[in-house]
Protein backbone atom coordinates (compact mmCIF):
# COMPACT_ATOMS: atom_id res chain seq x y z
CA MET A 1 125.84 143.07 80.85
CA GLU A 2 128.37 145.53 82.19
CA PRO A 3 131.31 146.45 80.01
CA ASP A 4 134.24 144.16 80.73
CA THR A 5 136.63 146.94 81.63
CA ALA A 6 137.97 148.57 84.73
CA SER A 7 136.05 151.70 83.92
CA SER A 8 132.79 149.93 84.58
CA THR A 9 133.43 150.37 88.29
CA GLY A 10 133.16 154.09 88.00
CA ASP A 11 136.83 154.58 88.94
CA ASP A 12 139.27 156.17 86.57
CA ALA A 13 141.61 153.63 85.07
CA GLN A 14 145.31 154.35 85.35
CA GLY A 15 147.42 152.58 82.79
CA PRO A 16 146.58 149.29 81.09
CA ALA A 17 144.05 147.04 82.80
CA LEU A 18 144.80 143.54 83.97
CA ARG A 19 143.88 140.79 81.54
CA ARG A 20 140.51 139.22 82.36
CA VAL A 21 141.26 135.52 82.00
CA MET A 22 139.28 133.94 84.83
CA GLY A 23 135.89 132.43 84.17
CA PRO A 24 133.66 130.88 86.86
CA TRP A 25 135.40 127.47 86.96
CA LEU A 26 138.91 128.83 87.32
CA LEU A 27 137.69 131.27 89.97
CA LEU A 28 135.99 128.42 91.85
CA LEU A 29 139.18 126.35 91.87
CA PHE A 30 141.17 129.37 93.03
CA ILE A 31 138.78 129.95 95.96
CA VAL A 32 138.66 126.29 96.99
CA GLY A 33 142.44 126.01 96.73
CA ASP A 34 142.98 129.15 98.79
CA ILE A 35 140.75 127.95 101.64
CA LEU A 36 142.05 124.38 101.74
CA GLY A 37 145.42 123.82 103.31
CA THR A 38 147.11 124.01 106.68
CA GLY A 39 144.05 124.53 108.90
CA ILE A 40 142.22 121.25 108.44
CA TYR A 41 145.44 119.25 108.04
CA ALA A 42 146.99 120.55 111.27
CA LEU A 43 144.23 121.66 113.65
CA THR A 44 141.62 118.90 113.57
CA GLY A 45 143.19 117.21 116.57
CA LYS A 46 143.46 120.43 118.61
CA VAL A 47 139.78 121.17 117.98
CA ALA A 48 138.90 117.59 119.03
CA SER A 49 140.81 118.01 122.28
CA GLN A 50 138.45 120.90 123.20
CA VAL A 51 135.06 119.43 122.24
CA GLY A 52 135.63 115.69 122.01
CA GLY A 53 133.85 113.72 119.30
CA ALA A 54 131.77 116.67 118.11
CA VAL A 55 134.83 118.04 116.31
CA TRP A 56 132.70 118.77 113.26
CA LEU A 57 130.59 121.36 115.13
CA PRO A 58 133.25 124.11 115.56
CA PHE A 59 134.12 123.76 111.87
CA LEU A 60 130.42 124.13 111.03
CA VAL A 61 130.09 127.25 113.21
CA ALA A 62 133.27 128.70 111.70
CA PHE A 63 131.82 128.03 108.25
CA ALA A 64 128.62 129.90 109.19
CA VAL A 65 130.57 132.96 110.41
CA ALA A 66 132.73 132.92 107.26
CA LEU A 67 129.62 132.60 105.09
CA VAL A 68 127.97 135.64 106.65
CA THR A 69 131.13 137.70 106.20
CA ALA A 70 131.44 136.46 102.62
CA PHE A 71 128.17 138.25 101.80
CA SER A 72 129.79 141.53 102.84
CA TYR A 73 132.81 140.82 100.66
CA LEU A 74 130.48 139.98 97.78
CA GLU A 75 128.72 143.32 98.01
CA LEU A 76 132.01 145.20 98.11
CA VAL A 77 133.86 143.26 95.42
CA THR A 78 130.97 143.59 92.97
CA LYS A 79 130.59 147.26 93.87
CA TYR A 80 134.33 148.00 93.65
CA PRO A 81 135.89 145.22 91.51
CA ARG A 82 139.45 146.27 92.23
CA ALA A 83 142.48 144.26 93.39
CA ALA A 84 142.96 145.86 96.80
CA GLY A 85 140.59 144.03 99.14
CA ALA A 86 140.00 145.06 102.75
CA ALA A 87 142.37 148.05 102.64
CA LEU A 88 140.44 149.57 99.72
CA TYR A 89 137.06 149.06 101.41
CA THR A 90 138.35 150.50 104.69
CA HIS A 91 139.76 153.59 102.98
CA LYS A 92 136.61 154.21 100.95
CA ALA A 93 134.38 153.82 104.01
CA PHE A 94 136.32 155.77 106.63
CA GLY A 95 139.01 157.76 104.80
CA ILE A 96 141.40 157.43 107.75
CA HIS A 97 144.89 156.63 106.47
CA PHE A 98 146.11 155.19 109.76
CA LEU A 99 143.12 152.81 110.00
CA THR A 100 143.69 151.74 106.39
CA PHE A 101 147.34 151.06 107.24
CA ILE A 102 146.44 149.01 110.34
CA VAL A 103 144.03 146.86 108.30
CA ALA A 104 146.61 146.34 105.55
CA PHE A 105 149.36 145.52 108.07
CA ALA A 106 147.03 143.11 109.92
CA VAL A 107 146.35 141.29 106.65
CA MET A 108 150.10 141.17 105.98
CA SER A 109 150.77 139.88 109.50
CA SER A 110 148.11 137.20 109.12
CA GLY A 111 150.02 135.94 106.10
CA ILE A 112 153.21 135.61 108.16
CA THR A 113 151.47 133.86 111.06
CA SER A 114 149.70 131.54 108.62
CA ALA A 115 152.97 130.65 106.89
CA SER A 116 154.61 130.08 110.28
CA THR A 117 151.76 127.74 111.20
CA ALA A 118 152.35 125.88 107.95
CA SER A 119 156.06 125.55 108.71
CA ARG A 120 155.34 123.92 112.07
CA ALA A 121 152.80 121.61 110.44
CA PHE A 122 155.27 120.75 107.67
CA ALA A 123 157.93 119.80 110.22
CA ALA A 124 155.48 117.65 112.21
CA ASN A 125 154.22 115.80 109.14
CA LEU A 126 157.78 115.31 107.88
CA SER A 127 158.71 113.70 111.18
CA GLU A 128 155.62 111.50 111.46
CA ALA A 129 155.49 110.35 107.83
CA PHE A 130 159.14 109.43 107.52
CA GLY A 131 159.88 108.37 111.10
CA LEU A 132 162.45 111.06 111.83
CA GLY A 133 161.59 111.07 115.51
CA LEU A 134 161.50 114.85 115.89
CA ARG A 135 159.85 115.98 119.11
CA ASP A 136 158.23 119.19 120.23
CA GLY A 137 160.97 121.73 120.83
CA ALA A 138 164.33 122.09 119.15
CA GLY A 139 163.87 119.41 116.49
CA LEU A 140 160.56 120.65 115.09
CA THR A 141 161.65 124.27 115.42
CA LEU A 142 164.86 123.66 113.47
CA ALA A 143 162.98 121.79 110.73
CA GLY A 144 160.44 124.63 110.56
CA LEU A 145 163.19 127.24 110.26
CA VAL A 146 164.90 125.31 107.45
CA PHE A 147 161.57 124.99 105.66
CA MET A 148 160.92 128.73 105.97
CA ALA A 149 164.42 129.50 104.67
CA VAL A 150 163.68 127.39 101.57
CA ILE A 151 160.40 129.27 101.10
CA ALA A 152 162.34 132.55 101.30
CA LEU A 153 164.81 131.38 98.65
CA VAL A 154 161.99 130.39 96.30
CA ASN A 155 160.30 133.72 97.00
CA PHE A 156 163.55 135.58 96.30
CA ARG A 157 164.14 133.80 92.99
CA GLY A 158 160.69 134.87 91.82
CA VAL A 159 157.66 132.64 91.47
CA SER A 160 155.70 132.98 88.27
CA GLU A 161 152.36 131.49 89.30
CA SER A 162 149.47 131.20 86.89
CA VAL A 163 145.89 130.32 87.61
CA LYS A 164 146.26 127.05 85.69
CA ALA A 165 149.13 126.02 87.97
CA ASN A 166 146.83 126.73 90.93
CA VAL A 167 144.39 124.17 89.49
CA VAL A 168 147.03 121.45 89.87
CA LEU A 169 147.94 122.59 93.40
CA THR A 170 144.28 122.63 94.41
CA MET A 171 143.72 119.11 93.13
CA VAL A 172 146.69 117.81 95.12
CA GLU A 173 145.46 119.51 98.31
CA LEU A 174 141.92 118.27 97.77
CA SER A 175 143.09 114.72 97.04
CA GLY A 176 144.56 114.41 100.53
CA LEU A 177 141.25 115.34 102.15
CA LEU A 178 139.28 113.07 99.84
CA ILE A 179 141.61 110.20 100.84
CA ILE A 180 140.68 110.83 104.49
CA ILE A 181 136.96 110.88 103.65
CA VAL A 182 137.12 107.70 101.57
CA ILE A 183 139.26 105.84 104.14
CA GLY A 184 136.98 106.96 106.95
CA PHE A 185 133.68 105.98 105.39
CA TRP A 186 135.12 102.76 103.94
CA ALA A 187 136.36 101.75 107.38
CA ILE A 188 133.05 102.70 108.99
CA GLY A 189 131.19 100.61 106.40
CA ALA A 190 133.47 97.68 107.22
CA GLY A 191 132.58 97.91 110.89
CA GLN A 192 135.74 99.67 112.05
CA GLY A 193 135.88 102.72 114.24
CA ASP A 194 133.14 104.18 116.40
CA LEU A 195 130.67 106.41 114.61
CA GLY A 196 128.92 107.06 117.92
CA ARG A 197 131.80 109.34 118.95
CA VAL A 198 130.56 111.91 116.44
CA LEU A 199 127.80 112.98 118.86
CA GLU A 200 129.90 112.90 122.03
CA PHE A 201 130.65 116.29 123.59
CA LYS A 202 133.58 116.76 125.90
CA ALA A 203 133.55 120.19 127.49
CA THR A 204 136.82 121.88 128.38
CA PRO A 205 137.37 121.70 132.15
CA GLY A 206 135.76 124.70 133.83
CA GLN A 207 133.55 125.50 130.83
CA GLY A 208 130.18 124.34 129.59
CA VAL A 209 129.47 122.80 126.20
CA ILE A 210 128.59 126.14 124.56
CA TRP A 211 131.75 127.94 125.64
CA SER A 212 133.85 124.92 124.73
CA VAL A 213 132.41 125.03 121.20
CA VAL A 214 133.00 128.79 121.04
CA GLY A 215 136.62 128.35 122.11
CA ALA A 216 137.18 125.58 119.57
CA THR A 217 135.54 127.70 116.86
CA THR A 218 138.15 130.44 117.36
CA LEU A 219 140.73 127.84 116.35
CA ALA A 220 138.67 126.12 113.63
CA PHE A 221 138.10 129.50 111.97
CA PHE A 222 141.70 129.38 110.76
CA ALA A 223 140.65 126.58 108.40
CA MET A 224 138.01 128.79 106.75
CA VAL A 225 140.14 131.84 105.99
CA GLY A 226 141.37 132.36 102.45
CA PHE A 227 138.09 133.22 100.75
CA GLU A 228 138.84 136.90 101.32
CA ASP A 229 141.92 136.67 99.08
CA SER A 230 139.75 135.96 96.05
CA VAL A 231 138.57 139.60 95.92
CA ASN A 232 142.08 140.51 94.76
CA MET A 233 141.36 138.59 91.55
CA ALA A 234 138.36 140.77 90.67
CA GLU A 235 140.21 142.73 87.97
CA GLU A 236 141.21 139.48 86.28
CA CYS A 237 137.71 137.95 86.20
CA ARG A 238 135.27 138.12 83.36
CA ASP A 239 132.16 140.02 84.47
CA PRO A 240 132.98 139.86 88.21
CA SER A 241 129.75 141.54 89.31
CA ARG A 242 127.80 138.64 87.83
CA ILE A 243 129.91 135.56 88.57
CA PHE A 244 131.46 136.36 91.96
CA PRO A 245 128.39 135.82 94.18
CA LYS A 246 127.52 132.31 93.04
CA VAL A 247 131.15 131.20 92.69
CA LEU A 248 132.32 132.42 96.11
CA LEU A 249 129.31 130.92 97.85
CA ALA A 250 129.80 127.63 95.98
CA GLY A 251 133.46 127.55 97.00
CA LEU A 252 132.60 128.07 100.67
CA LEU A 253 129.90 125.39 100.54
CA ILE A 254 132.29 122.87 98.97
CA THR A 255 135.05 123.48 101.50
CA GLY A 256 132.60 123.51 104.42
CA LEU A 257 131.20 120.14 103.33
CA VAL A 258 134.68 118.67 102.88
CA TYR A 259 135.73 119.86 106.35
CA VAL A 260 132.69 118.35 108.07
CA LEU A 261 133.17 115.01 106.29
CA VAL A 262 136.89 114.97 107.15
CA SER A 263 136.06 115.70 110.79
CA ILE A 264 133.52 112.86 110.96
CA SER A 265 135.94 110.41 109.33
CA ALA A 266 138.77 111.42 111.65
CA ILE A 267 136.86 111.18 114.92
CA ALA A 268 135.20 107.90 113.99
CA LEU A 269 138.59 106.23 113.53
CA VAL A 270 140.73 107.96 116.16
CA ALA A 271 139.69 108.84 119.70
CA PRO A 272 139.67 112.60 120.51
CA ASP A 273 142.50 112.43 123.06
CA GLU A 274 144.77 110.55 120.66
CA LEU A 275 143.81 112.79 117.73
CA GLY A 276 144.77 115.84 119.79
CA GLU A 277 148.33 114.67 120.40
CA GLY A 278 151.03 116.09 118.12
CA GLU A 279 150.63 118.30 115.04
CA ALA A 280 149.92 115.70 112.32
CA PRO A 281 146.44 114.37 113.20
CA LEU A 282 145.31 113.19 109.77
CA LEU A 283 148.30 110.86 109.43
CA LYS A 284 146.89 109.00 112.44
CA VAL A 285 143.56 108.64 110.64
CA VAL A 286 145.25 107.03 107.63
CA GLN A 287 147.20 104.65 109.86
CA ALA A 288 144.06 103.66 111.80
CA GLY A 289 141.70 103.24 108.84
CA ALA A 290 144.05 101.90 106.16
CA PRO A 291 147.24 100.46 107.69
CA SER A 292 148.39 99.23 104.29
CA PHE A 293 148.11 102.69 102.72
CA PRO A 294 151.59 104.21 102.17
CA VAL A 295 151.81 106.76 104.96
CA GLY A 296 154.77 108.38 103.22
CA LEU A 297 152.58 109.19 100.22
CA PHE A 298 149.93 110.83 102.36
CA GLY A 299 152.63 112.65 104.29
CA PHE A 300 153.99 113.99 101.00
CA ILE A 301 150.52 115.22 99.99
CA THR A 302 150.09 116.91 103.37
CA MET A 303 153.49 118.56 103.22
CA PHE A 304 152.77 119.74 99.68
CA ALA A 305 149.47 121.27 100.82
CA VAL A 306 150.96 123.17 103.76
CA ALA A 307 154.05 124.16 101.74
CA ASN A 308 151.82 125.68 99.10
CA SER A 309 149.95 127.60 101.81
CA ALA A 310 153.22 128.90 103.24
CA LEU A 311 154.55 130.04 99.88
CA ILE A 312 151.34 131.80 98.88
CA ASN A 313 151.14 133.60 102.23
CA MET A 314 154.79 134.68 102.23
CA LEU A 315 154.42 135.92 98.66
CA MET A 316 151.38 137.94 99.72
CA ALA A 317 153.06 139.29 102.86
CA SER A 318 156.27 140.39 101.15
CA ARG A 319 154.45 142.03 98.22
CA LEU A 320 152.01 143.80 100.53
CA LEU A 321 154.91 145.11 102.62
CA TYR A 322 156.64 146.21 99.42
CA GLY A 323 153.46 147.95 98.25
CA MET A 324 153.04 149.83 101.52
CA SER A 325 156.65 150.97 101.25
CA ARG A 326 156.08 152.23 97.71
CA GLU A 327 153.05 154.15 99.00
CA ARG A 328 155.36 155.82 101.56
CA VAL A 329 153.59 154.47 104.63
CA LEU A 330 156.56 152.22 105.50
CA PRO A 331 160.33 152.87 105.20
CA ALA A 332 161.57 153.17 101.61
CA LEU A 333 164.19 150.48 102.31
CA LEU A 334 161.42 147.85 102.30
CA GLY A 335 160.48 148.87 98.77
CA ARG A 336 163.84 148.04 97.19
CA VAL A 337 163.91 145.56 94.31
CA HIS A 338 166.85 143.25 93.61
CA ALA A 339 168.57 144.29 90.38
CA GLY A 340 169.05 140.74 89.13
CA ARG A 341 166.00 138.81 90.34
CA ARG A 342 163.57 141.76 90.19
CA THR A 343 162.01 140.69 93.48
CA PRO A 344 161.45 142.79 96.65
CA HIS A 345 164.39 141.22 98.45
CA VAL A 346 164.40 143.50 101.50
CA ALA A 347 160.68 142.94 102.11
CA ILE A 348 161.22 139.19 101.65
CA GLY A 349 164.07 139.25 104.16
CA PHE A 350 162.09 141.28 106.69
CA THR A 351 158.97 139.07 106.53
CA THR A 352 161.16 135.96 106.73
CA LEU A 353 162.86 137.27 109.89
CA LEU A 354 159.43 137.86 111.45
CA ALA A 355 158.45 134.31 110.50
CA PHE A 356 161.68 132.97 112.04
CA GLY A 357 160.80 134.73 115.28
CA LEU A 358 157.28 133.29 115.28
CA ILE A 359 158.50 129.76 114.55
CA GLY A 360 161.10 129.95 117.30
CA PHE A 361 159.20 131.81 120.01
CA GLY A 362 155.56 132.09 118.94
CA GLY A 363 154.50 128.63 120.10
CA GLY A 364 153.06 125.72 118.17
CA VAL A 365 150.37 125.32 115.55
CA PRO A 366 147.40 126.29 117.81
CA ALA A 367 148.99 129.57 118.93
CA LEU A 368 150.07 130.64 115.44
CA GLY A 369 146.91 129.45 113.70
CA GLY A 370 144.77 131.11 116.36
CA THR A 371 146.67 134.38 115.90
CA THR A 372 145.98 134.25 112.16
CA ALA A 373 142.28 133.84 112.87
CA LEU A 374 142.39 136.65 115.47
CA LEU A 375 143.97 139.13 113.05
CA LEU A 376 141.53 138.31 110.28
CA LEU A 377 138.51 138.40 112.60
CA GLY A 378 139.51 141.99 113.37
CA VAL A 379 139.78 142.77 109.66
CA PHE A 380 136.43 141.08 108.94
CA THR A 381 134.76 143.15 111.66
CA VAL A 382 135.93 146.35 109.94
CA VAL A 383 134.84 145.07 106.50
CA ASN A 384 131.35 144.20 107.76
CA VAL A 385 130.96 147.70 109.18
CA ALA A 386 132.36 149.22 105.97
CA VAL A 387 129.56 147.60 103.96
CA LEU A 388 126.95 149.52 105.93
CA VAL A 389 128.88 152.80 105.74
CA LEU A 390 129.36 152.49 101.97
CA ARG A 391 125.63 152.06 101.34
CA ARG A 392 125.64 155.87 101.04
CA ASP A 393 128.13 155.66 98.14
CA PRO A 394 126.12 154.62 95.06
CA VAL A 395 127.84 153.40 91.90
CA ALA A 396 126.63 153.47 88.32
CA HIS A 397 126.67 149.72 87.68
CA ARG A 398 124.52 146.98 89.18
CA HIS A 399 126.06 144.94 91.96
CA PHE A 400 125.26 142.33 94.59
CA LYS A 401 123.62 143.67 97.75
CA ALA A 402 123.66 141.66 100.96
CA PRO A 403 120.60 141.72 103.25
CA THR A 404 121.30 144.40 105.85
CA ALA A 405 121.01 141.94 108.72
CA LEU A 406 124.00 139.92 107.46
CA PRO A 407 126.74 142.60 107.77
CA VAL A 408 125.37 143.45 111.22
CA LEU A 409 125.48 139.77 112.22
CA GLY A 410 128.90 139.39 110.59
CA ALA A 411 130.40 142.35 112.48
CA ALA A 412 128.93 141.16 115.78
CA SER A 413 130.00 137.52 115.36
CA CYS A 414 133.54 138.36 114.20
CA ALA A 415 134.03 140.87 117.04
CA PHE A 416 132.64 138.32 119.50
CA LEU A 417 134.99 135.54 118.34
CA ALA A 418 137.96 137.91 118.58
CA GLY A 419 137.29 138.67 122.26
CA PRO A 420 139.07 137.21 125.32
CA TRP A 421 135.77 135.87 126.70
CA THR A 422 135.96 133.04 124.17
CA GLY A 423 138.79 131.42 126.11
CA ARG A 424 141.31 132.28 123.44
CA ASP A 425 144.91 131.64 124.51
CA PRO A 426 146.36 134.98 125.72
CA VAL A 427 149.55 134.29 123.75
CA GLN A 428 147.59 134.96 120.57
CA TYR A 429 146.89 138.53 121.68
CA GLU A 430 150.54 138.93 122.62
CA ILE A 431 151.74 137.77 119.19
CA ALA A 432 149.21 139.97 117.40
CA ALA A 433 150.10 142.97 119.58
CA VAL A 434 153.82 142.57 118.91
CA LEU A 435 153.26 142.37 115.15
CA ILE A 436 150.95 145.40 115.07
CA ALA A 437 153.36 147.32 117.33
CA ILE A 438 156.17 146.61 114.86
CA GLY A 439 153.97 147.98 112.09
CA ILE A 440 153.07 151.12 114.03
CA GLY A 441 156.75 151.66 114.86
CA LEU A 442 157.69 151.44 111.19
CA TRP A 443 154.81 153.75 110.28
CA LEU A 444 155.91 156.37 112.82
CA MET A 445 159.49 156.18 111.56
CA THR A 446 158.24 156.77 108.03
CA VAL A 447 155.99 159.69 109.02
CA LEU A 448 158.80 161.40 110.94
CA PHE A 449 161.27 160.83 108.10
CA GLU A 450 158.84 162.17 105.49
CA ARG A 451 158.14 165.27 107.59
CA ARG A 452 161.83 165.89 108.12
CA THR A 453 162.52 165.45 104.40
CA ALA A 454 159.69 167.86 103.56
CA ARG A 455 161.13 170.50 105.94
CA VAL A 456 164.59 170.13 104.43
CA ARG A 457 163.14 170.55 100.94
CA ARG A 458 161.19 173.65 101.97
CA ARG A 459 164.28 175.19 103.51
CA ALA A 460 166.34 174.35 100.44
CA GLY A 461 163.66 175.90 98.26
CA ALA A 462 163.51 179.02 100.42
CA SER A 463 167.31 179.35 100.31
CA ALA A 464 167.29 178.97 96.56
CA ASP A 465 164.61 181.63 96.18
CA GLY A 466 166.50 183.96 98.52
CA GLY A 467 169.77 183.35 96.71
CA GLY A 468 168.14 183.89 93.36
CA GLY A 469 166.77 187.27 94.45
CA ALA A 470 170.12 188.58 95.67
């Protein structure tokens, strides 16, 4: 067994190491909880509108792509068990600071788009569950903005989250999906619904079945993201090189199975066209399969699940922005910490403003969720390539090694799903381009400021030396 210390990675430890408190079960619950959330709750109907009754198939394909990429993450996290994720792997593989920054900023941006997706889903479920009558447009947008403002306030106050608290959150999220599965199969057993719809394909007009499934997969992939966040827990796991492979794969298998069962239950009880209307599809499944079930209770569970996703993603985005500022790749202003709350209040404010813009002008759940998937597919492509590059960088300890064919397949499949030939809505590229352009603009400002500061310091030093010699 490898020593249970940071030094076992071969990297020099700086300061005290993080406490290793996570065993396999806590890590499994963290992974499952991170993957579950907004995607399946909000996008099942939109996927059904593209492929008809075979709504389970795009989720299955998305699971396969995520699984292949997970093998690359497993090799890297067991080789470099550090809490830095894709940015660390990119820097070690290519050593290009700008590329490392783009990957880190893309991950940060995906957190904001994911949280914005959750805010739209929260507003839709709030309206449907409690009969508020909000409609697409101003009503849902206003509710989403208020929700995001509350998330920002919680973020500003400081959220002390422990892994044990995540267990409770995961169970609540999972309970909502299990309710759908139980209601669906109970109703099917009682002769309700139409199980035959599960095998009905409905191609998008102008496309064949294959391209319709590919297009729906680009949206369904949003439901599978989250597993990559678990690598940031590597320094807090006991013996990560040993437990990570089986736990991460088990977590993906569990969530993949849950998603397929939810999809089958949903489509058997609600026709694809009806399921695709609005942004709260699973509430319709509860109403169709169990009319006596308190819809408000399920709505509360759904809102809790997407709210948790939003908070986690905004926490990640603001802290990542803060970290990049502290590393002097973004303006120093974003690295300021509030004197009273000890939280990165400027970074929180900046990420919240970006989220406000996305909620107001970035479109609905499909556009924002699809942009999240697009950004992460780009990151996953780089990570899959990094695995192959880093094969020439041996480490002293034993680690997981993925079959060479899998990173190649992962890079090709992720790059393919990110392309415009999939039928992806062009607005997703526009949103992603605007976010990355903002990041590049901030990076250029920082570079120019740092160079100017360095010149001023050199001149001041030269003047001091000249004055001293007089």
